[in-house]
Amino acid sequence: MTKPVLLVVAAALFDDEGRILLAQRPVGKQLAGLWEFPGGKLEPGETPEAALVRELEEELSIRVNESSLEPMTFASFTYPTFHLLMPLYGCKKWSGSIQPREGQAVAWVETSRLRDYPAPPADIPLFDWFARRP
C-alpha cells in the first residue's frame, strides 16, 4: 500500500559551544513531549530553505538568512499513515534571541547526549548521525 509522503524541514541550530538546540513538542500536538529539531511543514510552492526560515521565525522568534543554512543530512521514515522525508540543515548564525512561541521547552544539547532525549522515531537516526561525527 502506498502512503502519502510528507515533506518537512528541520534545523540543527548550533551555539558557540557546538551544542544543538532541541525543542519539545508542546501539549496538544501529535507526539507531544518528545524532543526534536525545530522546523515544520512546507507550504505550497515553498522551498525547504524558505520554509525553514519561516518556521524558525514562527516557532523561535529568530531570523535566519537562507545563505546561513547548510544542508547536512536527511531522515526518511515510514509512520503508520504516511512517509516522512525531512532534510536537516545546520545553522550557526541568526539574529534575535531564541524565544519559544508555542509554549515548547527548548534545550541546548551536546551531540553525544542527543539520545538522552526521547524523540520521534524519525529523529533518532539523525541523533545517531551526529553522535558518529567527529
Protein backbone atom coordinates (compact mmCIF):
# COMPACT_ATOMS: atom_id res chain seq x y z
CA MET A 1 0.00 0.00 0.00
CA THR A 2 1.38 3.41 -0.97
CA LYS A 3 1.42 6.05 1.73
CA PRO A 4 1.49 9.80 1.14
CA VAL A 5 4.90 11.44 1.50
CA LEU A 6 5.05 14.34 3.94
CA LEU A 7 7.92 16.76 3.34
CA VAL A 8 9.04 18.67 6.41
CA VAL A 9 12.25 20.57 7.06
CA ALA A 10 14.32 20.90 10.23
CA ALA A 11 17.30 22.82 11.58
CA ALA A 12 20.20 21.88 13.80
CA LEU A 13 20.91 25.25 15.41
CA PHE A 14 24.44 25.30 16.87
CA ASP A 15 25.59 27.57 19.69
CA ASP A 16 29.19 28.74 20.18
CA GLU A 17 29.97 25.60 22.19
CA GLY A 18 28.80 23.25 19.41
CA ARG A 19 25.62 22.23 21.21
CA ILE A 20 22.39 21.74 19.26
CA LEU A 21 19.01 23.20 20.13
CA LEU A 22 16.19 20.71 20.65
CA ALA A 23 12.57 21.71 21.10
CA GLN A 24 9.99 19.68 22.99
CA ARG A 25 6.72 19.13 21.13
CA PRO A 26 4.03 21.02 23.05
CA VAL A 27 0.93 19.55 24.64
CA GLY A 28 -1.88 19.17 22.12
CA LYS A 29 0.35 18.24 19.18
CA GLN A 30 0.95 14.75 17.89
CA LEU A 31 3.95 13.18 19.67
CA ALA A 32 3.69 15.77 22.47
CA GLY A 33 6.54 15.72 24.96
CA LEU A 34 9.11 14.33 22.54
CA TRP A 35 12.22 16.31 21.62
CA GLU A 36 13.05 17.25 18.04
CA PHE A 37 14.88 19.67 15.80
CA PRO A 38 12.84 22.83 15.18
CA GLY A 39 11.17 23.15 11.78
CA GLY A 40 7.96 22.15 10.11
CA LYS A 41 5.88 21.56 7.02
CA LEU A 42 6.38 23.28 3.70
CA GLU A 43 3.58 25.44 2.37
CA PRO A 44 2.56 25.04 -1.30
CA GLY A 45 5.21 26.44 -3.63
CA GLU A 46 7.72 26.96 -0.79
CA THR A 47 11.32 25.77 -0.97
CA PRO A 48 12.71 23.85 2.01
CA GLU A 49 15.01 26.77 2.85
CA ALA A 50 12.20 29.35 2.73
CA ALA A 51 10.01 27.09 4.87
CA LEU A 52 12.74 26.74 7.46
CA VAL A 53 13.32 30.50 7.61
CA ARG A 54 9.57 30.98 8.15
CA GLU A 55 9.25 28.17 10.71
CA LEU A 56 12.19 29.38 12.80
CA GLU A 57 10.67 32.86 12.97
CA GLU A 58 7.23 31.47 13.85
CA GLU A 59 8.47 28.94 16.43
CA LEU A 60 11.52 30.57 17.98
CA SER A 61 11.38 34.31 17.13
CA ILE A 62 14.73 34.23 15.29
CA ARG A 63 15.58 35.47 11.83
CA VAL A 64 17.75 33.30 9.61
CA ASN A 65 19.05 34.06 6.13
CA GLU A 66 18.77 31.20 3.66
CA SER A 67 22.52 31.61 2.99
CA SER A 68 23.17 30.60 6.63
CA LEU A 69 21.52 27.19 6.13
CA GLU A 70 23.86 24.32 5.35
CA PRO A 71 22.36 21.01 4.14
CA MET A 72 23.61 18.25 6.45
CA THR A 73 21.62 15.03 6.10
CA PHE A 74 18.00 13.86 5.94
CA ALA A 75 15.56 11.49 7.57
CA SER A 76 13.31 9.10 5.68
CA PHE A 77 10.89 7.24 7.92
CA THR A 78 7.62 5.40 7.44
CA TYR A 79 4.94 6.11 10.04
CA PRO A 80 1.68 4.11 10.06
CA THR A 81 -0.25 6.56 7.84
CA PHE A 82 2.45 8.46 5.90
CA HIS A 83 6.11 8.51 4.94
CA LEU A 84 8.17 11.40 6.33
CA LEU A 85 11.01 12.94 4.35
CA MET A 86 12.92 15.54 6.35
CA PRO A 87 16.01 17.39 5.13
CA LEU A 88 18.10 18.68 8.05
CA TYR A 89 20.04 21.91 7.73
CA GLY A 90 22.75 23.17 10.04
CA CYS A 91 22.73 26.80 11.13
CA LYS A 92 25.25 28.72 13.26
CA LYS A 93 24.12 32.27 12.56
CA TRP A 94 20.81 34.01 13.20
CA SER A 95 19.56 37.29 14.57
CA GLY A 96 17.38 37.75 17.61
CA SER A 97 17.27 35.71 20.77
CA ILE A 98 15.53 32.35 20.93
CA GLN A 99 12.09 32.79 22.45
CA PRO A 100 9.77 29.80 22.03
CA ARG A 101 6.38 30.99 20.77
CA GLU A 102 4.40 27.75 21.01
CA GLY A 103 4.87 27.01 24.70
CA GLN A 104 7.56 24.45 23.95
CA ALA A 105 10.58 23.84 26.13
CA VAL A 106 13.99 24.10 24.49
CA ALA A 107 17.38 22.71 25.47
CA TRP A 108 20.95 23.13 24.24
CA VAL A 109 22.33 19.59 24.00
CA GLU A 110 25.79 18.20 23.33
CA THR A 111 25.74 15.93 20.29
CA SER A 112 26.87 12.98 22.41
CA ARG A 113 23.79 13.43 24.63
CA LEU A 114 21.07 13.77 21.99
CA ARG A 115 19.89 10.20 22.61
CA ASP A 116 19.22 11.12 26.26
CA TYR A 117 16.14 12.99 24.99
CA PRO A 118 13.07 10.94 23.96
CA ALA A 119 12.39 11.76 20.31
CA PRO A 120 10.04 10.93 17.45
CA PRO A 121 11.20 7.81 15.59
CA ALA A 122 12.26 9.81 12.52
CA ASP A 123 14.64 11.97 14.57
CA ILE A 124 16.52 9.12 16.26
CA PRO A 125 18.67 8.24 13.19
CA LEU A 126 19.59 11.94 12.96
CA PHE A 127 20.68 11.91 16.60
CA ASP A 128 22.82 8.84 15.84
CA TRP A 129 24.28 10.58 12.76
CA PHE A 130 25.51 13.45 14.94
CA ALA A 131 26.91 11.03 17.54
CA ARG A 132 29.11 9.41 14.83
CA ARG A 133 30.55 12.72 13.64
CA PRO A 134 33.88 13.95 15.00
